[in-house]
Amino acid sequence: MSENKLETVSSIVDSYQQNDEVIEELLNDKHSSATWERYHLMGDVMRGETSEVLNLDLSSEIASAIADEPTVLAPKTSTALTEKLKAKVVQFAKPFGQMAIAASAAGLMVMGVQQNTADTDIMLPENQVVKTIPLGGIAEPVSLNFQETTRSSEKQAFVEQQRRFQALLSDHQQQIKLSSVTVGEQAKNDKAEESAK
């Protein structure tokens, strides 16, 4: 509908135009009469003059809109073709998956060994005793390092850890003192240079 016709319908709704020919033309045109009806409904709603229940028959418009939509038909895919495709994908990806698993396991082993050696360097005493007699008469795996921990060895490890910690703290405090002295000397040098200028 053109802008001119919409303005004409709006002016008739607002009672600005009382031309019988225009009103007759409006009533005969299906699109213009629907617009006129919507404009009256909007005016009634804005003025609060509508009834509690609005009878809007949208079913015919919805049915026609559905009928106008195109029908999409998807072709059936054969299950044999999809099975062959899946088998090829699995066959292609299987070696990569195996390599990824092997690489992950190797990485975890390396990390575990590094972590294990770092832990044993700190906690184990320097003279580690290797027991060759199996416990309970059952042979143990060669890689198992069994060490009987005693209270005195745990206490000795704790004391050694505390000694290292105290050494780190005293070193840190000395560095703070040195940096404050250095900053103080730098400030004095800066003041001396400014006063010399």
N, C-alpha and C. Protein backbone atom coordinates (compact mmCIF):
# COMPACT_ATOMS: atom_id res chain seq x y z
N MET A 1 0.86 -1.17 0.00
CA MET A 1 0.00 0.00 0.00
C MET A 1 0.90 1.23 0.00
N SER A 2 0.52 2.22 -0.76
CA SER A 2 1.35 3.41 -0.89
C SER A 2 1.19 4.31 0.33
N GLU A 3 2.12 5.20 0.48
CA GLU A 3 2.13 6.13 1.62
C GLU A 3 0.90 7.04 1.56
N ASN A 4 0.51 7.42 0.38
CA ASN A 4 -0.65 8.29 0.19
C ASN A 4 -1.94 7.63 0.70
N LYS A 5 -2.10 6.34 0.38
CA LYS A 5 -3.30 5.63 0.82
C LYS A 5 -3.31 5.48 2.33
N LEU A 6 -2.13 5.21 2.93
CA LEU A 6 -2.06 5.09 4.39
C LEU A 6 -2.44 6.41 5.06
N GLU A 7 -2.00 7.52 4.51
CA GLU A 7 -2.36 8.83 5.07
C GLU A 7 -3.85 9.08 4.92
N THR A 8 -4.43 8.67 3.82
CA THR A 8 -5.87 8.84 3.60
C THR A 8 -6.65 8.03 4.62
N VAL A 9 -6.24 6.78 4.85
CA VAL A 9 -6.92 5.92 5.84
C VAL A 9 -6.78 6.54 7.22
N SER A 10 -5.60 7.03 7.55
CA SER A 10 -5.37 7.64 8.86
C SER A 10 -6.25 8.88 9.05
N SER A 11 -6.37 9.69 8.01
CA SER A 11 -7.20 10.90 8.14
C SER A 11 -8.68 10.54 8.27
N ILE A 12 -9.13 9.48 7.62
CA ILE A 12 -10.53 9.06 7.78
C ILE A 12 -10.76 8.54 9.19
N VAL A 13 -9.81 7.79 9.72
CA VAL A 13 -9.95 7.27 11.09
C VAL A 13 -10.00 8.43 12.08
N ASP A 14 -9.20 9.46 11.85
CA ASP A 14 -9.17 10.61 12.76
C ASP A 14 -10.30 11.60 12.48
N SER A 15 -11.18 11.29 11.57
CA SER A 15 -12.34 12.11 11.20
C SER A 15 -11.93 13.45 10.61
N TYR A 16 -10.81 13.50 9.92
CA TYR A 16 -10.40 14.73 9.26
C TYR A 16 -10.97 14.81 7.86
N GLN A 17 -11.28 13.69 7.27
CA GLN A 17 -11.76 13.67 5.90
C GLN A 17 -13.12 12.96 5.89
N GLN A 18 -14.14 13.61 5.33
CA GLN A 18 -15.48 13.05 5.31
C GLN A 18 -15.98 12.84 3.88
N ASN A 19 -15.11 12.60 2.96
CA ASN A 19 -15.46 12.41 1.56
C ASN A 19 -16.05 11.01 1.38
N ASP A 20 -17.30 10.93 0.88
CA ASP A 20 -18.00 9.65 0.75
C ASP A 20 -17.36 8.77 -0.32
N GLU A 21 -16.84 9.37 -1.36
CA GLU A 21 -16.22 8.58 -2.43
C GLU A 21 -14.96 7.87 -1.92
N VAL A 22 -14.20 8.59 -1.13
CA VAL A 22 -12.96 8.00 -0.59
C VAL A 22 -13.30 6.90 0.39
N ILE A 23 -14.32 7.11 1.20
CA ILE A 23 -14.73 6.09 2.17
C ILE A 23 -15.24 4.86 1.43
N GLU A 24 -16.02 5.05 0.37
CA GLU A 24 -16.53 3.93 -0.42
C GLU A 24 -15.38 3.15 -1.06
N GLU A 25 -14.39 3.87 -1.57
CA GLU A 25 -13.22 3.22 -2.17
C GLU A 25 -12.45 2.44 -1.12
N LEU A 26 -12.38 3.00 0.09
CA LEU A 26 -11.70 2.34 1.21
C LEU A 26 -12.39 1.03 1.57
N LEU A 27 -13.70 1.05 1.62
CA LEU A 27 -14.44 -0.15 1.99
C LEU A 27 -14.35 -1.23 0.91
N ASN A 28 -14.22 -0.84 -0.33
CA ASN A 28 -14.14 -1.83 -1.42
C ASN A 28 -12.75 -2.45 -1.54
N ASP A 29 -11.72 -1.74 -1.13
CA ASP A 29 -10.35 -2.27 -1.19
C ASP A 29 -10.09 -3.10 0.07
N LYS A 30 -9.79 -4.38 -0.11
CA LYS A 30 -9.61 -5.30 1.02
C LYS A 30 -8.44 -4.89 1.90
N HIS A 31 -7.32 -4.52 1.29
CA HIS A 31 -6.12 -4.15 2.05
C HIS A 31 -6.34 -2.84 2.82
N SER A 32 -6.98 -1.87 2.20
CA SER A 32 -7.25 -0.58 2.87
C SER A 32 -8.24 -0.76 4.01
N SER A 33 -9.26 -1.61 3.81
CA SER A 33 -10.24 -1.81 4.89
C SER A 33 -9.60 -2.53 6.07
N ALA A 34 -8.65 -3.46 5.81
CA ALA A 34 -7.95 -4.13 6.91
C ALA A 34 -7.08 -3.13 7.67
N THR A 35 -6.45 -2.22 6.93
CA THR A 35 -5.65 -1.18 7.58
C THR A 35 -6.54 -0.26 8.41
N TRP A 36 -7.70 0.11 7.86
CA TRP A 36 -8.64 0.97 8.58
C TRP A 36 -9.08 0.29 9.88
N GLU A 37 -9.33 -1.02 9.81
CA GLU A 37 -9.76 -1.78 11.00
C GLU A 37 -8.64 -1.80 12.05
N ARG A 38 -7.39 -2.01 11.61
CA ARG A 38 -6.27 -2.03 12.56
C ARG A 38 -6.06 -0.66 13.20
N TYR A 39 -6.21 0.42 12.42
CA TYR A 39 -6.06 1.77 12.97
C TYR A 39 -7.12 2.03 14.02
N HIS A 40 -8.38 1.63 13.78
CA HIS A 40 -9.43 1.81 14.78
C HIS A 40 -9.14 1.00 16.04
N LEU A 41 -8.64 -0.22 15.87
CA LEU A 41 -8.31 -1.05 17.03
C LEU A 41 -7.19 -0.41 17.85
N MET A 42 -6.16 0.13 17.18
CA MET A 42 -5.06 0.80 17.90
C MET A 42 -5.58 2.02 18.66
N GLY A 43 -6.45 2.80 18.03
CA GLY A 43 -7.01 3.97 18.70
C GLY A 43 -7.83 3.58 19.91
N ASP A 44 -8.66 2.51 19.79
CA ASP A 44 -9.45 2.04 20.92
C ASP A 44 -8.56 1.56 22.06
N VAL A 45 -7.48 0.87 21.73
CA VAL A 45 -6.57 0.39 22.77
C VAL A 45 -5.89 1.55 23.48
N MET A 46 -5.45 2.57 22.73
CA MET A 46 -4.77 3.72 23.35
C MET A 46 -5.73 4.53 24.22
N ARG A 47 -7.00 4.60 23.85
CA ARG A 47 -7.98 5.33 24.65
C ARG A 47 -8.54 4.48 25.79
N GLY A 48 -8.24 3.18 25.79
CA GLY A 48 -8.75 2.29 26.83
C GLY A 48 -10.21 1.92 26.62
N GLU A 49 -10.68 1.92 25.40
CA GLU A 49 -12.08 1.65 25.09
C GLU A 49 -12.29 0.23 24.56
N THR A 50 -11.34 -0.65 24.76
CA THR A 50 -11.50 -2.03 24.26
C THR A 50 -12.19 -2.88 25.30
N SER A 51 -12.81 -3.94 24.83
CA SER A 51 -13.47 -4.87 25.75
C SER A 51 -12.39 -5.77 26.36
N GLU A 52 -12.79 -6.54 27.35
CA GLU A 52 -11.85 -7.41 28.04
C GLU A 52 -11.28 -8.47 27.10
N VAL A 53 -12.11 -8.94 26.16
CA VAL A 53 -11.69 -10.00 25.25
C VAL A 53 -11.65 -9.45 23.83
N LEU A 54 -10.53 -9.63 23.17
CA LEU A 54 -10.40 -9.21 21.77
C LEU A 54 -10.54 -10.44 20.90
N ASN A 55 -11.39 -10.37 19.92
CA ASN A 55 -11.57 -11.48 19.00
C ASN A 55 -10.74 -11.21 17.74
N LEU A 56 -9.57 -11.71 17.75
CA LEU A 56 -8.69 -11.57 16.60
C LEU A 56 -8.64 -12.91 15.90
N ASP A 57 -9.10 -12.97 14.70
CA ASP A 57 -9.09 -14.20 13.93
C ASP A 57 -7.83 -14.21 13.07
N LEU A 58 -6.81 -14.84 13.59
CA LEU A 58 -5.54 -14.91 12.89
C LEU A 58 -5.35 -16.24 12.19
N SER A 59 -6.28 -17.16 12.36
CA SER A 59 -6.09 -18.51 11.85
C SER A 59 -5.99 -18.54 10.33
N SER A 60 -6.81 -17.74 9.64
CA SER A 60 -6.75 -17.75 8.18
C SER A 60 -5.43 -17.18 7.67
N GLU A 61 -4.92 -16.14 8.31
CA GLU A 61 -3.65 -15.56 7.89
C GLU A 61 -2.49 -16.52 8.16
N ILE A 62 -2.54 -17.20 9.31
CA ILE A 62 -1.48 -18.15 9.64
C ILE A 62 -1.52 -19.33 8.69
N ALA A 63 -2.74 -19.82 8.38
CA ALA A 63 -2.86 -20.95 7.45
C ALA A 63 -2.35 -20.58 6.08
N SER A 64 -2.64 -19.38 5.62
CA SER A 64 -2.15 -18.99 4.29
C SER A 64 -0.64 -18.80 4.29
N ALA A 65 -0.08 -18.29 5.39
CA ALA A 65 1.38 -18.13 5.47
C ALA A 65 2.07 -19.49 5.47
N ILE A 66 1.48 -20.46 6.15
CA ILE A 66 2.06 -21.81 6.16
C ILE A 66 1.96 -22.44 4.78
N ALA A 67 0.82 -22.22 4.13
CA ALA A 67 0.65 -22.78 2.78
C ALA A 67 1.62 -22.17 1.79
N ASP A 68 2.00 -20.93 1.98
CA ASP A 68 2.93 -20.26 1.07
C ASP A 68 4.38 -20.70 1.26
N GLU A 69 4.69 -21.28 2.41
CA GLU A 69 6.07 -21.69 2.68
C GLU A 69 6.44 -22.89 1.81
N PRO A 70 7.66 -22.92 1.34
CA PRO A 70 8.07 -24.05 0.51
C PRO A 70 8.28 -25.30 1.36
N THR A 71 8.00 -26.45 0.76
CA THR A 71 8.21 -27.72 1.44
C THR A 71 9.61 -28.20 1.12
N VAL A 72 10.35 -28.55 2.17
CA VAL A 72 11.72 -29.02 1.99
C VAL A 72 11.73 -30.52 2.21
N LEU A 73 12.15 -31.23 1.22
CA LEU A 73 12.26 -32.68 1.32
C LEU A 73 13.73 -33.04 1.32
N ALA A 74 14.17 -33.71 2.36
CA ALA A 74 15.56 -34.12 2.45
C ALA A 74 15.68 -35.54 1.91
N PRO A 75 16.65 -35.79 1.07
CA PRO A 75 16.80 -37.15 0.54
C PRO A 75 17.28 -38.10 1.63
N LYS A 76 16.84 -39.34 1.51
CA LYS A 76 17.28 -40.35 2.48
C LYS A 76 18.72 -40.73 2.18
N THR A 77 19.49 -40.86 3.24
CA THR A 77 20.87 -41.31 3.06
C THR A 77 20.90 -42.80 3.29
N SER A 78 21.65 -43.46 2.50
CA SER A 78 21.71 -44.91 2.67
C SER A 78 22.59 -45.22 3.87
N THR A 79 22.16 -46.19 4.65
CA THR A 79 22.91 -46.55 5.86
C THR A 79 24.22 -47.22 5.49
N ALA A 80 24.25 -47.93 4.37
CA ALA A 80 25.49 -48.59 3.95
C ALA A 80 26.56 -47.55 3.63
N LEU A 81 26.16 -46.47 2.98
CA LEU A 81 27.12 -45.42 2.64
C LEU A 81 27.65 -44.75 3.90
N THR A 82 26.77 -44.46 4.84
CA THR A 82 27.23 -43.81 6.07
C THR A 82 28.12 -44.75 6.88
N GLU A 83 27.81 -46.04 6.88
CA GLU A 83 28.65 -46.99 7.61
C GLU A 83 30.05 -47.07 6.99
N LYS A 84 30.12 -47.08 5.66
CA LYS A 84 31.42 -47.10 4.98
C LYS A 84 32.22 -45.85 5.30
N LEU A 85 31.52 -44.71 5.31
CA LEU A 85 32.19 -43.44 5.59
C LEU A 85 32.71 -43.42 7.03
N LYS A 86 31.90 -43.90 7.96
CA LYS A 86 32.33 -43.96 9.36
C LYS A 86 33.54 -44.88 9.51
N ALA A 87 33.52 -46.01 8.83
CA ALA A 87 34.64 -46.95 8.92
C ALA A 87 35.92 -46.33 8.37
N LYS A 88 35.81 -45.57 7.29
CA LYS A 88 36.99 -44.92 6.72
C LYS A 88 37.54 -43.85 7.66
N VAL A 89 36.65 -43.10 8.28
CA VAL A 89 37.08 -42.06 9.23
C VAL A 89 37.78 -42.69 10.42
N VAL A 90 37.19 -43.78 10.95
CA VAL A 90 37.81 -44.46 12.09
C VAL A 90 39.17 -45.03 11.69
N GLN A 91 39.23 -45.63 10.50
CA GLN A 91 40.48 -46.21 10.03
C GLN A 91 41.55 -45.12 9.87
N PHE A 92 41.15 -43.95 9.41
CA PHE A 92 42.09 -42.85 9.22
C PHE A 92 42.54 -42.26 10.56
N ALA A 93 41.62 -42.10 11.52
CA ALA A 93 41.92 -41.41 12.77
C ALA A 93 42.54 -42.31 13.83
N LYS A 94 42.41 -43.62 13.68
CA LYS A 94 42.89 -44.54 14.72
C LYS A 94 44.39 -44.41 15.01
N PRO A 95 45.26 -44.35 13.99
CA PRO A 95 46.70 -44.20 14.29
C PRO A 95 47.02 -42.90 15.03
N PHE A 96 46.32 -41.83 14.67
CA PHE A 96 46.57 -40.56 15.35
C PHE A 96 46.14 -40.63 16.81
N GLY A 97 45.05 -41.30 17.06
CA GLY A 97 44.59 -41.46 18.44
C GLY A 97 45.56 -42.28 19.26
N GLN A 98 46.09 -43.34 18.65
CA GLN A 98 47.06 -44.17 19.36
C GLN A 98 48.34 -43.38 19.66
N MET A 99 48.77 -42.58 18.68
CA MET A 99 49.97 -41.77 18.91
C MET A 99 49.73 -40.73 20.01
N ALA A 100 48.53 -40.16 20.04
CA ALA A 100 48.22 -39.16 21.07
C ALA A 100 48.22 -39.81 22.45
N ILE A 101 47.67 -41.01 22.55
CA ILE A 101 47.66 -41.71 23.84
C ILE A 101 49.08 -42.04 24.27
N ALA A 102 49.90 -42.54 23.34
CA ALA A 102 51.28 -42.88 23.67
C ALA A 102 52.08 -41.64 24.09
N ALA A 103 51.87 -40.53 23.39
CA ALA A 103 52.58 -39.30 23.74
C ALA A 103 52.15 -38.79 25.11
N SER A 104 50.87 -38.90 25.40
CA SER A 104 50.38 -38.46 26.71
C SER A 104 50.97 -39.33 27.83
N ALA A 105 50.99 -40.64 27.60
CA ALA A 105 51.55 -41.54 28.61
C ALA A 105 53.04 -41.27 28.81
N ALA A 106 53.77 -41.04 27.71
CA ALA A 106 55.20 -40.75 27.84
C ALA A 106 55.43 -39.44 28.59
N GLY A 107 54.63 -38.43 28.28
CA GLY A 107 54.75 -37.16 28.98
C GLY A 107 54.48 -37.29 30.46
N LEU A 108 53.45 -38.06 30.80
CA LEU A 108 53.15 -38.27 32.22
C LEU A 108 54.26 -39.03 32.92
N MET A 109 54.86 -40.00 32.23
CA MET A 109 55.96 -40.75 32.83
C MET A 109 57.15 -39.83 33.11
N VAL A 110 57.49 -38.98 32.14
CA VAL A 110 58.62 -38.07 32.32
C VAL A 110 58.34 -37.13 33.49
N MET A 111 57.13 -36.59 33.53
CA MET A 111 56.80 -35.68 34.63
C MET A 111 56.83 -36.40 35.97
N GLY A 112 56.34 -37.63 35.98
CA GLY A 112 56.35 -38.40 37.23
C GLY A 112 57.74 -38.70 37.71
N VAL A 113 58.63 -39.07 36.78
CA VAL A 113 60.01 -39.37 37.16
C VAL A 113 60.70 -38.10 37.66
N GLN A 114 60.48 -36.98 36.98
CA GLN A 114 61.10 -35.73 37.43
C GLN A 114 60.58 -35.35 38.81
N GLN A 115 59.28 -35.50 39.02
CA GLN A 115 58.71 -35.15 40.32
C GLN A 115 59.23 -36.10 41.39
N ASN A 116 59.33 -37.38 41.05
CA ASN A 116 59.79 -38.38 42.00
C ASN A 116 61.23 -38.12 42.40
N THR A 117 62.10 -37.80 41.44
CA THR A 117 63.50 -37.53 41.77
C THR A 117 63.63 -36.25 42.57
N ALA A 118 62.78 -35.25 42.28
CA ALA A 118 62.84 -34.00 43.04
C ALA A 118 62.41 -34.25 44.48
N ASP A 119 61.40 -35.09 44.68
CA ASP A 119 60.95 -35.39 46.04
C ASP A 119 61.99 -36.20 46.79
N THR A 120 62.61 -37.16 46.14
CA THR A 120 63.56 -38.01 46.84
C THR A 120 64.84 -37.25 47.15
N ASP A 121 65.21 -36.26 46.35
CA ASP A 121 66.40 -35.47 46.66
C ASP A 121 66.22 -34.70 47.95
N ILE A 122 65.03 -34.25 48.21
CA ILE A 122 64.80 -33.44 49.40
C ILE A 122 64.60 -34.31 50.63
N MET A 123 63.81 -35.35 50.50
CA MET A 123 63.38 -36.10 51.67
C MET A 123 64.30 -37.26 52.04
N LEU A 124 64.99 -37.86 51.10
CA LEU A 124 65.80 -39.03 51.40
C LEU A 124 67.17 -38.62 51.92
N PRO A 125 67.68 -39.36 52.88
CA PRO A 125 69.06 -39.09 53.32
C PRO A 125 70.05 -39.52 52.24
N GLU A 126 71.27 -39.02 52.38
CA GLU A 126 72.26 -39.27 51.34
C GLU A 126 72.69 -40.74 51.27
N ASN A 127 72.72 -41.39 52.38
CA ASN A 127 73.15 -42.79 52.38
C ASN A 127 71.93 -43.70 52.43
N GLN A 128 71.34 -43.90 51.29
CA GLN A 128 70.13 -44.72 51.19
C GLN A 128 70.52 -46.19 51.20
N VAL A 129 69.80 -46.97 52.02
CA VAL A 129 70.07 -48.38 52.13
C VAL A 129 69.12 -49.14 51.22
N VAL A 130 69.63 -50.05 50.41
CA VAL A 130 68.81 -50.86 49.54
C VAL A 130 68.60 -52.21 50.22
N LYS A 131 67.32 -52.59 50.43
CA LYS A 131 67.02 -53.87 51.06
C LYS A 131 66.88 -54.91 49.96
N THR A 132 67.56 -56.02 50.12
CA THR A 132 67.47 -57.08 49.12
C THR A 132 66.63 -58.23 49.60
N ILE A 133 66.27 -58.27 50.87
CA ILE A 133 65.45 -59.35 51.41
C ILE A 133 63.98 -58.97 51.21
N PRO A 134 63.19 -59.82 50.55
CA PRO A 134 61.78 -59.49 50.34
C PRO A 134 61.00 -59.51 51.64
N LEU A 135 59.99 -58.68 51.71
CA LEU A 135 59.14 -58.63 52.91
C LEU A 135 58.15 -59.77 52.86
N GLY A 136 57.99 -60.47 53.92
CA GLY A 136 57.01 -61.54 54.00
C GLY A 136 57.31 -62.70 53.07
N GLY A 137 58.52 -62.85 52.59
CA GLY A 137 58.88 -63.96 51.73
C GLY A 137 58.42 -63.81 50.29
N ILE A 138 57.85 -62.69 49.93
CA ILE A 138 57.38 -62.49 48.56
C ILE A 138 58.33 -61.50 47.89
N ALA A 139 58.76 -61.85 46.70
CA ALA A 139 59.68 -60.98 45.97
C ALA A 139 58.95 -59.72 45.51
N GLU A 140 59.62 -58.60 45.65
CA GLU A 140 59.06 -57.32 45.26
C GLU A 140 59.65 -56.91 43.91
N PRO A 141 58.98 -56.03 43.18
CA PRO A 141 59.54 -55.56 41.90
C PRO A 141 60.87 -54.84 42.12
N VAL A 142 61.73 -54.93 41.13
CA VAL A 142 63.06 -54.36 41.23
C VAL A 142 63.01 -52.85 41.40
N SER A 143 62.03 -52.19 40.76
CA SER A 143 62.00 -50.74 40.78
C SER A 143 61.45 -50.17 42.07
N LEU A 144 60.97 -51.01 42.96
CA LEU A 144 60.39 -50.52 44.21
C LEU A 144 61.50 -50.18 45.19
N ASN A 145 61.59 -48.97 45.59
CA ASN A 145 62.56 -48.54 46.59
C ASN A 145 61.85 -48.47 47.92
N PHE A 146 62.01 -49.46 48.71
CA PHE A 146 61.36 -49.48 50.01
C PHE A 146 62.32 -48.91 51.03
N GLN A 147 61.86 -47.94 51.77
CA GLN A 147 62.71 -47.34 52.78
C GLN A 147 61.91 -47.25 54.06
N GLU A 148 62.47 -47.77 55.07
CA GLU A 148 61.80 -47.74 56.36
C GLU A 148 62.08 -46.39 57.00
N THR A 149 61.03 -45.63 57.19
CA THR A 149 61.22 -44.31 57.78
C THR A 149 61.10 -44.43 59.29
N THR A 150 62.00 -43.78 59.93
CA THR A 150 61.96 -43.76 61.39
C THR A 150 61.68 -42.36 61.85
N ARG A 151 61.35 -42.24 63.08
CA ARG A 151 61.03 -40.94 63.63
C ARG A 151 62.25 -40.02 63.59
N SER A 152 63.41 -40.57 63.82
CA SER A 152 64.61 -39.73 63.84
C SER A 152 64.94 -39.23 62.43
N SER A 153 64.74 -40.05 61.39
CA SER A 153 65.03 -39.57 60.03
C SER A 153 64.02 -38.50 59.61
N GLU A 154 62.76 -38.65 60.01
CA GLU A 154 61.76 -37.62 59.71
C GLU A 154 62.11 -36.32 60.42
N LYS A 155 62.54 -36.44 61.68
CA LYS A 155 62.91 -35.24 62.45
C LYS A 155 64.13 -34.57 61.83
N GLN A 156 65.10 -35.39 61.39
CA GLN A 156 66.30 -34.84 60.76
C GLN A 156 65.94 -34.12 59.46
N ALA A 157 65.02 -34.67 58.68
CA ALA A 157 64.60 -34.03 57.43
C ALA A 157 63.89 -32.71 57.73
N PHE A 158 63.07 -32.69 58.77
CA PHE A 158 62.37 -31.46 59.15
C PHE A 158 63.36 -30.39 59.59
N VAL A 159 64.34 -30.77 60.38
CA VAL A 159 65.35 -29.81 60.85
C VAL A 159 66.12 -29.25 59.66
N GLU A 160 66.48 -30.11 58.70
CA GLU A 160 67.21 -29.66 57.52
C GLU A 160 66.36 -28.68 56.70
N GLN A 161 65.08 -28.97 56.60
CA GLN A 161 64.18 -28.07 55.87
C GLN A 161 64.08 -26.72 56.57
N GLN A 162 63.96 -26.72 57.86
CA GLN A 162 63.89 -25.47 58.63
C GLN A 162 65.18 -24.67 58.49
N ARG A 163 66.33 -25.37 58.47
CA ARG A 163 67.61 -24.68 58.34
C ARG A 163 67.69 -23.97 56.98
N ARG A 164 67.24 -24.66 55.92
CA ARG A 164 67.25 -24.04 54.59
C ARG A 164 66.31 -22.84 54.54
N PHE A 165 65.18 -22.98 55.17
CA PHE A 165 64.21 -21.90 55.19
C PHE A 165 64.78 -20.67 55.90
N GLN A 166 65.42 -20.87 57.04
CA GLN A 166 66.03 -19.77 57.78
C GLN A 166 67.14 -19.11 56.96
N ALA A 167 67.90 -19.91 56.24
CA ALA A 167 68.97 -19.36 55.40
C ALA A 167 68.37 -18.49 54.30
N LEU A 168 67.29 -18.93 53.69
CA LEU A 168 66.62 -18.14 52.66
C LEU A 168 66.08 -16.83 53.24
N LEU A 169 65.49 -16.90 54.43
CA LEU A 169 64.96 -15.68 55.06
C LEU A 169 66.06 -14.67 55.35
N SER A 170 67.16 -15.14 55.91
CA SER A 170 68.25 -14.20 56.24
C SER A 170 68.85 -13.61 54.96
N ASP A 171 68.96 -14.40 53.90
CA ASP A 171 69.46 -13.89 52.63
C ASP A 171 68.51 -12.82 52.08
N HIS A 172 67.23 -13.07 52.18
CA HIS A 172 66.24 -12.09 51.71
C HIS A 172 66.33 -10.78 52.50
N GLN A 173 66.45 -10.88 53.79
CA GLN A 173 66.56 -9.67 54.61
C GLN A 173 67.83 -8.88 54.27
N GLN A 174 68.92 -9.58 54.00
CA GLN A 174 70.15 -8.89 53.62
C GLN A 174 69.98 -8.17 52.28
N GLN A 175 69.29 -8.81 51.34
CA GLN A 175 69.06 -8.17 50.05
C GLN A 175 68.20 -6.93 50.20
N ILE A 176 67.21 -6.97 51.10
CA ILE A 176 66.36 -5.79 51.33
C ILE A 176 67.21 -4.65 51.90
N LYS A 177 68.06 -4.97 52.86
CA LYS A 177 68.91 -3.94 53.45
C LYS A 177 69.84 -3.34 52.40
N LEU A 178 70.44 -4.19 51.57
CA LEU A 178 71.35 -3.69 50.54
C LEU A 178 70.62 -2.82 49.53
N SER A 179 69.41 -3.22 49.15
CA SER A 179 68.69 -2.41 48.17
C SER A 179 68.26 -1.07 48.78
N SER A 180 67.92 -1.04 50.07
CA SER A 180 67.53 0.24 50.70
C SER A 180 68.75 1.15 50.82
N VAL A 181 69.92 0.59 51.12
CA VAL A 181 71.14 1.40 51.21
C VAL A 181 71.47 1.94 49.82
N THR A 182 71.33 1.12 48.81
CA THR A 182 71.62 1.54 47.44
C THR A 182 70.66 2.65 47.00
N VAL A 183 69.40 2.54 47.34
CA VAL A 183 68.42 3.56 46.99
C VAL A 183 68.72 4.86 47.73
N GLY A 184 69.10 4.75 49.01
CA GLY A 184 69.46 5.94 49.79
C GLY A 184 70.67 6.65 49.21
N GLU A 185 71.69 5.89 48.82
CA GLU A 185 72.88 6.49 48.23
C GLU A 185 72.55 7.14 46.89
N GLN A 186 71.69 6.52 46.12
CA GLN A 186 71.29 7.08 44.83
C GLN A 186 70.56 8.40 45.04
N ALA A 187 69.71 8.46 46.06
CA ALA A 187 68.98 9.71 46.34
C ALA A 187 69.96 10.81 46.74
N LYS A 188 70.96 10.47 47.57
CA LYS A 188 71.97 11.47 47.97
C LYS A 188 72.74 11.97 46.75
N ASN A 189 73.12 11.06 45.88
CA ASN A 189 73.86 11.45 44.67
C ASN A 189 73.01 12.37 43.79
N ASP A 190 71.70 12.07 43.67
CA ASP A 190 70.81 12.90 42.86
C ASP A 190 70.71 14.31 43.45
N LYS A 191 70.59 14.41 44.78
CA LYS A 191 70.51 15.73 45.43
C LYS A 191 71.81 16.50 45.24
N ALA A 192 72.94 15.81 45.35
CA ALA A 192 74.22 16.48 45.17
C ALA A 192 74.37 17.01 43.73
N GLU A 193 73.91 16.25 42.75
CA GLU A 193 73.98 16.69 41.36
C GLU A 193 73.08 17.89 41.12
N GLU A 194 71.89 17.90 41.74
CA GLU A 194 70.97 19.02 41.57
C GLU A 194 71.53 20.30 42.21
N SER A 195 72.12 20.15 43.38
CA SER A 195 72.66 21.33 44.03
C SER A 195 73.90 21.87 43.29
N ALA A 196 74.63 20.98 42.61
CA ALA A 196 75.80 21.39 41.84
C ALA A 196 75.39 22.17 40.59
N LYS A 197 74.24 21.92 40.08
CA LYS A 197 73.77 22.62 38.89
C LYS A 197 73.39 23.99 39.28
